Each structure stands twice: as structure tokens, then as C-alpha cells.
PDB file of N, CA and C in Angstrom:
ATOM      1  N   MET A   1      -2.997 -10.929   1.599  1.00  0.00           N
ATOM      2  CA  MET A   1      -3.557  -9.951   1.879  1.00  0.00           C
ATOM      3  C   MET A   1      -3.246  -9.229   3.387  1.00  0.00           C
ATOM      4  N   GLU A   2      -2.815  -7.944   3.153  1.00  0.00           N
ATOM      5  CA  GLU A   2      -2.859  -7.275   4.436  1.00  0.00           C
ATOM      6  C   GLU A   2      -3.825  -6.226   4.713  1.00  0.00           C
ATOM      7  N   LEU A   3      -4.594  -6.006   5.452  1.00  0.00           N
ATOM      8  CA  LEU A   3      -5.536  -4.840   5.825  1.00  0.00           C
ATOM      9  C   LEU A   3      -4.998  -3.855   6.898  1.00  0.00           C
ATOM     10  N   ARG A   4      -5.291  -2.433   6.968  1.00  0.00           N
ATOM     11  CA  ARG A   4      -4.945  -1.571   7.725  1.00  0.00           C
ATOM     12  C   ARG A   4      -6.153  -0.721   7.826  1.00  0.00           C
ATOM     13  N   VAL A   5      -6.885  -0.894   9.135  1.00  0.00           N
ATOM     14  CA  VAL A   5      -7.921   0.304   9.366  1.00  0.00           C
ATOM     15  C   VAL A   5      -7.377   1.502   9.521  1.00  0.00           C
ATOM     16  N   LEU A   6      -7.883   2.611   8.370  1.00  0.00           N
ATOM     17  CA  LEU A   6      -7.699   3.807   8.390  1.00  0.00           C
ATOM     18  C   LEU A   6      -8.329   5.024   9.518  1.00  0.00           C
ATOM     19  N   THR A   7     -10.021   4.709   9.293  1.00  0.00           N
ATOM     20  CA  THR A   7     -10.973   5.211  10.028  1.00  0.00           C
ATOM     21  C   THR A   7     -11.778   4.166  10.699  1.00  0.00           C
ATOM     22  N   HIS A   8     -12.039   4.455  11.781  1.00  0.00           N
ATOM     23  CA  HIS A   8     -13.349   3.654  12.375  1.00  0.00           C
ATOM     24  C   HIS A   8     -14.185   4.141  13.460  1.00  0.00           C
ATOM     25  N   THR A   9     -15.470   4.752  12.778  1.00  0.00           N
ATOM     26  CA  THR A   9     -16.416   5.421  14.104  1.00  0.00           C
ATOM     27  C   THR A   9     -17.513   4.449  13.755  1.00  0.00           C
ATOM     28  N   ALA A  10     -18.537   5.080  14.486  1.00  0.00           N
ATOM     29  CA  ALA A  10     -19.772   4.339  14.770  1.00  0.00           C
ATOM     30  C   ALA A  10     -20.308   4.268  13.571  1.00  0.00           C
ATOM     31  N   ASP A  11     -20.327   4.634  12.422  1.00  0.00           N
ATOM     32  CA  ASP A  11     -20.823   4.653  11.184  1.00  0.00           C
ATOM     33  C   ASP A  11     -20.334   4.670   9.925  1.00  0.00           C
ATOM     34  N   GLU A  12     -18.745   4.863  10.131  1.00  0.00           N
ATOM     35  CA  GLU A  12     -17.836   4.738   8.940  1.00  0.00           C
ATOM     36  C   GLU A  12     -16.636   3.813   9.105  1.00  0.00           C
ATOM     37  N   LEU A  13     -16.296   3.468   8.127  1.00  0.00           N
ATOM     38  CA  LEU A  13     -14.986   2.470   8.323  1.00  0.00           C
ATOM     39  C   LEU A  13     -14.138   2.764   6.761  1.00  0.00           C
ATOM     40  N   GLU A  14     -12.684   2.773   7.030  1.00  0.00           N
ATOM     41  CA  GLU A  14     -11.990   2.891   5.832  1.00  0.00           C
ATOM     42  C   GLU A  14     -10.860   2.037   6.033  1.00  0.00           C
ATOM     43  N   VAL A  15     -10.609   1.172   5.039  1.00  0.00           N
ATOM     44  CA  VAL A  15      -9.575   0.106   5.403  1.00  0.00           C
ATOM     45  C   VAL A  15      -8.745   0.056   3.949  1.00  0.00           C
ATOM     46  N   GLU A  16      -7.346   0.046   4.114  1.00  0.00           N
ATOM     47  CA  GLU A  16      -6.275  -0.193   3.016  1.00  0.00           C
ATOM     48  C   GLU A  16      -6.315  -1.663   2.982  1.00  0.00           C
ATOM     49  N   VAL A  17      -6.191  -1.945   1.649  1.00  0.00           N
ATOM     50  CA  VAL A  17      -6.256  -3.428   1.355  1.00  0.00           C
ATOM     51  C   VAL A  17      -5.280  -3.663   0.399  1.00  0.00           C
ATOM     52  N   LEU A  18      -4.204  -3.876   1.164  1.00  0.00           N
ATOM     53  CA  LEU A  18      -2.771  -4.307   0.570  1.00  0.00           C
ATOM     54  C   LEU A  18      -2.878  -5.749  -0.346  1.00  0.00           C
ATOM     55  N   GLY A  19      -2.403  -5.674  -1.594  1.00  0.00           N
ATOM     56  CA  GLY A  19      -2.037  -6.841  -2.250  1.00  0.00           C
ATOM     57  C   GLY A  19      -3.531  -7.106  -3.185  1.00  0.00           C
ATOM     58  N   GLU A  20      -4.416  -6.173  -3.088  1.00  0.00           N
ATOM     59  CA  GLU A  20      -5.526  -6.570  -3.812  1.00  0.00           C
ATOM     60  C   GLU A  20      -5.810  -5.443  -4.954  1.00  0.00           C
ATOM     61  N   ASN A  21      -6.975  -5.769  -5.978  1.00  0.00           N
ATOM     62  CA  ASN A  21      -7.194  -4.933  -6.984  1.00  0.00           C
ATOM     63  C   ASN A  21      -8.929  -4.937  -7.394  1.00  0.00           C
ATOM     64  N   GLU A  22      -9.270  -4.380  -8.503  1.00  0.00           N
ATOM     65  CA  GLU A  22     -10.543  -4.581  -8.531  1.00  0.00           C
ATOM     66  C   GLU A  22     -11.303  -5.612  -8.566  1.00  0.00           C
ATOM     67  N   THR A  23     -10.315  -6.755  -8.909  1.00  0.00           N
ATOM     68  CA  THR A  23     -11.244  -7.882  -9.189  1.00  0.00           C
ATOM     69  C   THR A  23     -11.844  -8.465  -7.792  1.00  0.00           C
ATOM     70  N   PHE A  24     -11.402  -7.850  -6.709  1.00  0.00           N
ATOM     71  CA  PHE A  24     -11.769  -8.367  -5.315  1.00  0.00           C
ATOM     72  C   PHE A  24     -12.799  -7.030  -4.800  1.00  0.00           C
ATOM     73  N   LEU A  25     -12.140  -5.976  -5.253  1.00  0.00           N
ATOM     74  CA  LEU A  25     -12.638  -5.086  -4.527  1.00  0.00           C
ATOM     75  C   LEU A  25     -14.011  -4.537  -5.345  1.00  0.00           C
ATOM     76  N   ASN A  26     -14.303  -4.568  -6.597  1.00  0.00           N
ATOM     77  CA  ASN A  26     -15.469  -4.340  -7.228  1.00  0.00           C
ATOM     78  C   ASN A  26     -16.575  -5.045  -6.424  1.00  0.00           C
ATOM     79  N   PRO A  27     -16.472  -6.747  -6.725  1.00  0.00           N
ATOM     80  CA  PRO A  27     -17.740  -7.435  -6.434  1.00  0.00           C
ATOM     81  C   PRO A  27     -18.034  -7.079  -4.656  1.00  0.00           C
ATOM     82  N   LEU A  28     -17.164  -6.702  -3.948  1.00  0.00           N
ATOM     83  CA  LEU A  28     -17.384  -6.763  -2.209  1.00  0.00           C
ATOM     84  C   LEU A  28     -18.168  -5.095  -2.594  1.00  0.00           C
ATOM     85  N   LYS A  29     -17.736  -3.964  -3.168  1.00  0.00           N
ATOM     86  CA  LYS A  29     -18.368  -2.947  -3.212  1.00  0.00           C
ATOM     87  C   LYS A  29     -19.807  -3.122  -3.482  1.00  0.00           C
ATOM     88  N   GLN A  30     -20.080  -3.559  -4.663  1.00  0.00           N
ATOM     89  CA  GLN A  30     -21.266  -4.000  -5.166  1.00  0.00           C
ATOM     90  C   GLN A  30     -22.030  -4.707  -4.075  1.00  0.00           C
ATOM     91  N   ALA A  31     -21.731  -5.696  -3.397  1.00  0.00           N
ATOM     92  CA  ALA A  31     -22.593  -6.480  -2.462  1.00  0.00           C
ATOM     93  C   ALA A  31     -22.666  -5.479  -1.538  1.00  0.00           C
ATOM     94  N   LEU A  32     -21.811  -4.702  -0.965  1.00  0.00           N
ATOM     95  CA  LEU A  32     -22.187  -3.600  -0.097  1.00  0.00           C
ATOM     96  C   LEU A  32     -23.212  -2.726  -0.223  1.00  0.00           C
ATOM     97  N   LEU A  33     -23.158  -2.253  -1.400  1.00  0.00           N
ATOM     98  CA  LEU A  33     -24.477  -1.520  -1.806  1.00  0.00           C
ATOM     99  C   LEU A  33     -25.687  -2.183  -1.885  1.00  0.00           C
ATOM    100  N   ASN A  34     -25.928  -3.426  -2.049  1.00  0.00           N
ATOM    101  CA  ASN A  34     -27.167  -4.137  -1.842  1.00  0.00           C
ATOM    102  C   ASN A  34     -27.717  -4.111  -0.450  1.00  0.00           C
ATOM    103  N   ASP A  35     -26.814  -3.716   0.624  1.00  0.00           N
ATOM    104  CA  ASP A  35     -27.152  -3.858   1.863  1.00  0.00           C
ATOM    105  C   ASP A  35     -28.099  -2.659   2.322  1.00  0.00           C
ATOM    106  N   PRO A  36     -29.214  -2.911   3.046  1.00  0.00           N
ATOM    107  CA  PRO A  36     -30.075  -1.884   3.353  1.00  0.00           C
ATOM    108  C   PRO A  36     -29.347  -0.852   4.248  1.00  0.00           C
ATOM    109  N   ASP A  37     -28.489  -0.847   5.159  1.00  0.00           N
ATOM    110  CA  ASP A  37     -28.009  -0.410   5.884  1.00  0.00           C
ATOM    111  C   ASP A  37     -26.861   0.541   5.673  1.00  0.00           C
ATOM    112  N   VAL A  38     -26.488   0.011   3.998  1.00  0.00           N
ATOM    113  CA  VAL A  38     -25.108   0.999   3.511  1.00  0.00           C
ATOM    114  C   VAL A  38     -25.844   2.253   3.148  1.00  0.00           C
ATOM    115  N   VAL A  39     -25.168   3.362   3.358  1.00  0.00           N
ATOM    116  CA  VAL A  39     -25.377   4.433   2.942  1.00  0.00           C
ATOM    117  C   VAL A  39     -24.608   4.864   1.481  1.00  0.00           C
ATOM    118  N   PHE A  40     -23.049   4.337   1.821  1.00  0.00           N
ATOM    119  CA  PHE A  40     -22.199   4.994   0.664  1.00  0.00           C
ATOM    120  C   PHE A  40     -20.938   3.631   0.746  1.00  0.00           C
ATOM    121  N   ALA A  41     -20.776   3.044  -0.271  1.00  0.00           N
ATOM    122  CA  ALA A  41     -19.690   2.400  -0.471  1.00  0.00           C
ATOM    123  C   ALA A  41     -19.043   2.378  -1.373  1.00  0.00           C
ATOM    124  N   GLU A  42     -17.425   2.759  -1.544  1.00  0.00           N
ATOM    125  CA  GLU A  42     -16.763   2.803  -2.569  1.00  0.00           C
ATOM    126  C   GLU A  42     -15.147   2.360  -2.317  1.00  0.00           C
ATOM    127  N   TYR A  43     -14.567   1.971  -3.543  1.00  0.00           N
ATOM    128  CA  TYR A  43     -13.085   1.641  -3.117  1.00  0.00           C
ATOM    129  C   TYR A  43     -12.487   2.591  -4.221  1.00  0.00           C
ATOM    130  N   ILE A  44     -11.072   3.252  -3.621  1.00  0.00           N
ATOM    131  CA  ILE A  44     -10.459   3.801  -4.527  1.00  0.00           C
ATOM    132  C   ILE A  44      -8.923   3.221  -4.772  1.00  0.00           C
ATOM    133  N   ILE A  45      -8.585   3.211  -6.044  1.00  0.00           N
ATOM    134  CA  ILE A  45      -7.035   2.963  -6.286  1.00  0.00           C
ATOM    135  C   ILE A  45      -6.462   4.398  -6.996  1.00  0.00           C
ATOM    136  N   GLU A  46      -5.664   5.015  -6.362  1.00  0.00           N
ATOM    137  CA  GLU A  46      -5.133   6.294  -6.895  1.00  0.00           C
ATOM    138  C   GLU A  46      -4.308   6.165  -7.911  1.00  0.00           C
ATOM    139  N   HIS A  47      -3.546   5.355  -7.795  1.00  0.00           N
ATOM    140  CA  HIS A  47      -2.455   4.883  -9.134  1.00  0.00           C
ATOM    141  C   HIS A  47      -2.245   3.266  -9.050  1.00  0.00           C
ATOM    142  N   PRO A  48      -2.313   2.856  -9.908  1.00  0.00           N
ATOM    143  CA  PRO A  48      -2.452   1.123  -9.969  1.00  0.00           C
ATOM    144  C   PRO A  48      -1.097   0.395  -9.792  1.00  0.00           C
ATOM    145  N   GLN A  49       0.149   1.263  -9.785  1.00  0.00           N
ATOM    146  CA  GLN A  49       1.364   0.924  -9.489  1.00  0.00           C
ATOM    147  C   GLN A  49       1.986   1.371  -8.168  1.00  0.00           C
ATOM    148  N   LEU A  50       1.457   2.554  -7.496  1.00  0.00           N
ATOM    149  CA  LEU A  50       2.050   3.068  -6.384  1.00  0.00           C
ATOM    150  C   LEU A  50       0.998   3.331  -5.182  1.00  0.00           C
ATOM    151  N   SER A  51      -0.286   3.214  -5.269  1.00  0.00           N
ATOM    152  CA  SER A  51      -1.008   3.275  -4.336  1.00  0.00           C
ATOM    153  C   SER A  51      -1.631   2.187  -3.672  1.00  0.00           C
ATOM    154  N   VAL A  52      -2.159   2.320  -2.535  1.00  0.00           N
ATOM    155  CA  VAL A  52      -2.579   1.020  -1.656  1.00  0.00           C
ATOM    156  C   VAL A  52      -3.792   1.144  -1.902  1.00  0.00           C
ATOM    157  N   PRO A  53      -4.964   0.282  -2.283  1.00  0.00           N
ATOM    158  CA  PRO A  53      -6.426   0.468  -2.639  1.00  0.00           C
ATOM    159  C   PRO A  53      -6.832   0.666  -1.292  1.00  0.00           C
ATOM    160  N   LYS A  54      -8.077   1.447  -1.118  1.00  0.00           N
ATOM    161  CA  LYS A  54      -8.671   1.526  -0.060  1.00  0.00           C
ATOM    162  C   LYS A  54     -10.259   1.439  -0.252  1.00  0.00           C
ATOM    163  N   ILE A  55     -10.828   0.884   0.701  1.00  0.00           N
ATOM    164  CA  ILE A  55     -12.701   0.923   0.748  1.00  0.00           C
ATOM    165  C   ILE A  55     -13.097   1.638   1.829  1.00  0.00           C
ATOM    166  N   PHE A  56     -14.150   2.425   1.295  1.00  0.00           N
ATOM    167  CA  PHE A  56     -14.591   3.170   2.292  1.00  0.00           C
ATOM    168  C   PHE A  56     -16.284   2.554   2.226  1.00  0.00           C
ATOM    169  N   LEU A  57     -16.863   2.634   3.753  1.00  0.00           N
ATOM    170  CA  LEU A  57     -18.138   2.182   3.891  1.00  0.00           C
ATOM    171  C   LEU A  57     -18.732   3.112   4.922  1.00  0.00           C
ATOM    172  N   ARG A  58     -19.943   3.742   4.738  1.00  0.00           N
ATOM    173  CA  ARG A  58     -20.740   4.584   5.520  1.00  0.00           C
ATOM    174  C   ARG A  58     -22.034   3.809   5.456  1.00  0.00           C
ATOM    175  N   THR A  59     -22.447   3.573   6.875  1.00  0.00           N
ATOM    176  CA  THR A  59     -23.716   3.003   7.261  1.00  0.00           C
ATOM    177  C   THR A  59     -24.473   3.945   8.065  1.00  0.00           C
ATOM    178  N   GLU A  60     -26.009   3.480   8.248  1.00  0.00           N
ATOM    179  CA  GLU A  60     -26.888   4.042   8.932  1.00  0.00           C
ATOM    180  C   GLU A  60     -27.619   2.891   9.547  1.00  0.00           C
ATOM    181  N   GLY A  61     -27.672   2.780  10.813  1.00  0.00           N
ATOM    182  CA  GLY A  61     -28.448   1.945  12.114  1.00  0.00           C
ATOM    183  C   GLY A  61     -27.581   0.572  12.112  1.00  0.00           C
ATOM    184  N   ALA A  62     -26.520   0.599  11.451  1.00  0.00           N
ATOM    185  CA  ALA A  62     -25.548  -0.664  11.908  1.00  0.00           C
ATOM    186  C   ALA A  62     -24.120  -0.313  11.966  1.00  0.00           C
ATOM    187  N   LYS A  63     -23.500  -0.877  12.688  1.00  0.00           N
ATOM    188  CA  LYS A  63     -22.007  -0.783  12.497  1.00  0.00           C
ATOM    189  C   LYS A  63     -21.293  -1.351  11.230  1.00  0.00           C
ATOM    190  N   PRO A  64     -20.664  -0.487  10.739  1.00  0.00           N
ATOM    191  CA  PRO A  64     -20.018  -0.725   9.771  1.00  0.00           C
ATOM    192  C   PRO A  64     -19.206  -2.170   9.480  1.00  0.00           C
ATOM    193  N   GLU A  65     -18.552  -2.486  10.837  1.00  0.00           N
ATOM    194  CA  GLU A  65     -17.713  -3.726  10.535  1.00  0.00           C
ATOM    195  C   GLU A  65     -18.578  -4.826  10.815  1.00  0.00           C
ATOM    196  N   ALA A  66     -19.959  -4.771  11.088  1.00  0.00           N
ATOM    197  CA  ALA A  66     -20.956  -5.751  11.214  1.00  0.00           C
ATOM    198  C   ALA A  66     -21.300  -6.012   9.765  1.00  0.00           C
ATOM    199  N   VAL A  67     -21.655  -4.900   9.111  1.00  0.00           N
ATOM    200  CA  VAL A  67     -21.895  -5.033   7.679  1.00  0.00           C
ATOM    201  C   VAL A  67     -21.078  -5.540   6.902  1.00  0.00           C
ATOM    202  N   LEU A  68     -19.801  -5.328   7.185  1.00  0.00           N
ATOM    203  CA  LEU A  68     -18.777  -5.817   6.001  1.00  0.00           C
ATOM    204  C   LEU A  68     -18.363  -6.992   6.341  1.00  0.00           C
ATOM    205  N   LYS A  69     -18.587  -7.592   7.652  1.00  0.00           N
ATOM    206  CA  LYS A  69     -18.503  -9.298   7.877  1.00  0.00           C
ATOM    207  C   LYS A  69     -19.850 -10.128   7.307  1.00  0.00           C
ATOM    208  N   ARG A  70     -20.726  -9.297   7.405  1.00  0.00           N
ATOM    209  CA  ARG A  70     -22.060 -10.036   6.760  1.00  0.00           C
ATOM    210  C   ARG A  70     -22.079 -10.349   5.468  1.00  0.00           C
ATOM    211  N   THR A  71     -21.398  -9.194   4.750  1.00  0.00           N
ATOM    212  CA  THR A  71     -21.298  -9.029   3.551  1.00  0.00           C
ATOM    213  C   THR A  71     -20.379 -10.034   2.729  1.00  0.00           C
ATOM    214  N   LEU A  72     -19.209  -9.910   3.679  1.00  0.00           N
ATOM    215  CA  LEU A  72     -18.296 -11.008   3.144  1.00  0.00           C
ATOM    216  C   LEU A  72     -18.711 -12.338   3.210  1.00  0.00           C
ATOM    217  N   LYS A  73     -19.316 -12.850   4.295  1.00  0.00           N
ATOM    218  CA  LYS A  73     -19.863 -14.120   4.584  1.00  0.00           C
ATOM    219  C   LYS A  73     -20.947 -14.615   3.300  1.00  0.00           C
ATOM    220  N   GLY A  74     -21.733 -13.320   3.193  1.00  0.00           N
ATOM    221  CA  GLY A  74     -22.819 -13.545   1.920  1.00  0.00           C
ATOM    222  C   GLY A  74     -22.021 -13.720   0.754  1.00  0.00           C
ATOM    223  N   LEU A  75     -20.872 -13.279   0.212  1.00  0.00           N
ATOM    224  CA  LEU A  75     -20.170 -13.151  -0.891  1.00  0.00           C
ATOM    225  C   LEU A  75     -19.514 -14.695  -0.824  1.00  0.00           C
ATOM    226  N   VAL A  76     -18.981 -15.133   0.167  1.00  0.00           N
ATOM    227  CA  VAL A  76     -18.522 -16.540   0.343  1.00  0.00           C
ATOM    228  C   VAL A  76     -19.452 -17.507  -0.104  1.00  0.00           C
ATOM    229  N   GLY A  77     -20.691 -17.469   0.533  1.00  0.00           N
ATOM    230  CA  GLY A  77     -22.032 -18.420   0.040  1.00  0.00           C
ATOM    231  C   GLY A  77     -22.132 -18.115  -1.245  1.00  0.00           C
ATOM    232  N   ASP A  78     -22.464 -17.220  -1.873  1.00  0.00           N
ATOM    233  CA  ASP A  78     -22.564 -16.886  -3.099  1.00  0.00           C
ATOM    234  C   ASP A  78     -21.532 -17.561  -4.108  1.00  0.00           C
ATOM    235  N   PHE A  79     -20.148 -17.630  -3.741  1.00  0.00           N
ATOM    236  CA  PHE A  79     -19.219 -18.559  -4.551  1.00  0.00           C
ATOM    237  C   PHE A  79     -19.318 -20.031  -4.378  1.00  0.00           C
ATOM    238  N   ASP A  80     -19.732 -20.534  -3.181  1.00  0.00           N
ATOM    239  CA  ASP A  80     -19.864 -21.740  -2.826  1.00  0.00           C
ATOM    240  C   ASP A  80     -21.149 -22.171  -3.547  1.00  0.00           C
ATOM    241  N   ALA A  81     -22.152 -21.644  -3.601  1.00  0.00           N
ATOM    242  CA  ALA A  81     -23.077 -21.928  -4.392  1.00  0.00           C
ATOM    243  C   ALA A  81     -22.837 -22.145  -5.698  1.00  0.00           C
ATOM    244  N   PHE A  82     -22.130 -20.895  -6.670  1.00  0.00           N
ATOM    245  CA  PHE A  82     -21.751 -21.500  -7.668  1.00  0.00           C
ATOM    246  C   PHE A  82     -20.621 -22.395  -8.076  1.00  0.00           C
ATOM    247  N   GLU A  83     -19.825 -22.716  -7.411  1.00  0.00           N
ATOM    248  CA  GLU A  83     -18.899 -23.820  -7.481  1.00  0.00           C
ATOM    249  C   GLU A  83     -19.910 -25.087  -7.256  1.00  0.00           C
ATOM    250  N   ASP A  84     -20.990 -25.123  -6.447  1.00  0.00           N
ATOM    251  CA  ASP A  84     -21.798 -26.564  -6.386  1.00  0.00           C
ATOM    252  C   ASP A  84     -22.365 -26.604  -7.958  1.00  0.00           C
ATOM    253  N   ALA A  85     -22.975 -25.533  -8.054  1.00  0.00           N
ATOM    254  CA  ALA A  85     -23.694 -25.533  -9.379  1.00  0.00           C
ATOM    255  C   ALA A  85     -22.778 -26.060 -10.421  1.00  0.00           C
ATOM    256  N   PHE A  86     -21.574 -25.566 -10.656  1.00  0.00           N
ATOM    257  CA  PHE A  86     -20.425 -25.577 -11.946  1.00  0.00           C
ATOM    258  C   PHE A  86     -20.129 -27.117 -11.605  1.00  0.00           C
ATOM    259  N   VAL A  87     -20.038 -27.970 -10.507  1.00  0.00           N
ATOM    260  CA  VAL A  87     -19.410 -29.203 -10.497  1.00  0.00           C
ATOM    261  C   VAL A  87     -20.615 -29.904 -11.063  1.00  0.00           C
ATOM    262  N   ALA A  88     -22.015 -29.481 -10.527  1.00  0.00           N
ATOM    263  CA  ALA A  88     -23.009 -30.066 -10.960  1.00  0.00           C
ATOM    264  C   ALA A  88     -23.176 -30.069 -12.573  1.00  0.00           C
ATOM    265  N   ALA A  89     -23.273 -29.080 -13.140  1.00  0.00           N
ATOM    266  CA  ALA A  89     -23.068 -28.819 -14.524  1.00  0.00           C
ATOM    267  C   ALA A  89     -22.032 -29.829 -15.188  1.00  0.00           C
ATOM    268  N   LEU A  90     -20.863 -29.592 -14.627  1.00  0.00           N
ATOM    269  CA  LEU A  90     -19.766 -30.556 -15.246  1.00  0.00           C
ATOM    270  C   LEU A  90     -20.461 -32.284 -15.442  1.00  0.00           C
ATOM    271  N   LYS A  91     -20.719 -32.360 -14.306  1.00  0.00           N
ATOM    272  CA  LYS A  91     -21.295 -33.702 -14.124  1.00  0.00           C
ATOM    273  C   LYS A  91     -22.422 -34.252 -15.460  1.00  0.00           C
ATOM    274  N   LYS A  92     -23.145 -33.067 -16.045  1.00  0.00           N
ATOM    275  CA  LYS A  92     -24.137 -33.511 -16.874  1.00  0.00           C
ATOM    276  C   LYS A  92     -23.628 -33.321 -17.738  1.00  0.00           C
ATOM    277  N   ALA A  93     -22.607 -32.636 -18.240  1.00  0.00           N
ATOM    278  CA  ALA A  93     -21.997 -32.354 -19.485  1.00  0.00           C
ATOM    279  C   ALA A  93     -21.412 -33.764 -20.066  1.00  0.00           C
TER     280      ALA A  93
END
């Protein structure tokens, strides 16, 4: 995965996310939208074969890069918890 920051202001962040698709971007967008500091979050893939996906984030009261970092850490924690629960369920099966 390669990232390119296209726009970075006090309350907005736009990043190209090379090598990813909806499988990664949609859960990230949904988690961002659950953050109380997020005013707007969306990703766009103009053409599935020809364009580079982008994610947009607008915040209020927090730096967008800080919101993105804590959201990503939260997602990692969610997936770790799922993995732990899955392993425990397999042991019971």
C-alpha cells in the first residue's frame, strides 16, 4: 500500500490510497463517520481499473490526521478482538 497526501489543512485531509479498494476503504469510512469530530468522510474510486482510490476527511475540533490515526487504531483493536473471539469459538467447536 502506498499513500499520497493530496490535501492537508487544519480540518481537511485527502489521501490517495494506492493498491486498495472498497474492502479496505468502506470499513475505514464507516469508522470515521462514527467519530464525533468527523463532519464528512467519503472515499471515491472514479474507475475501478484506471483511477487511484481517494479518501476524504473533514473534521471539526480535531486535527484530521489525529482522527485518522485513532480510527485506524480502533479498527485494529476491533479486528484483534474478533480474532480472539474466533479462536475461542473454534476451541469450543
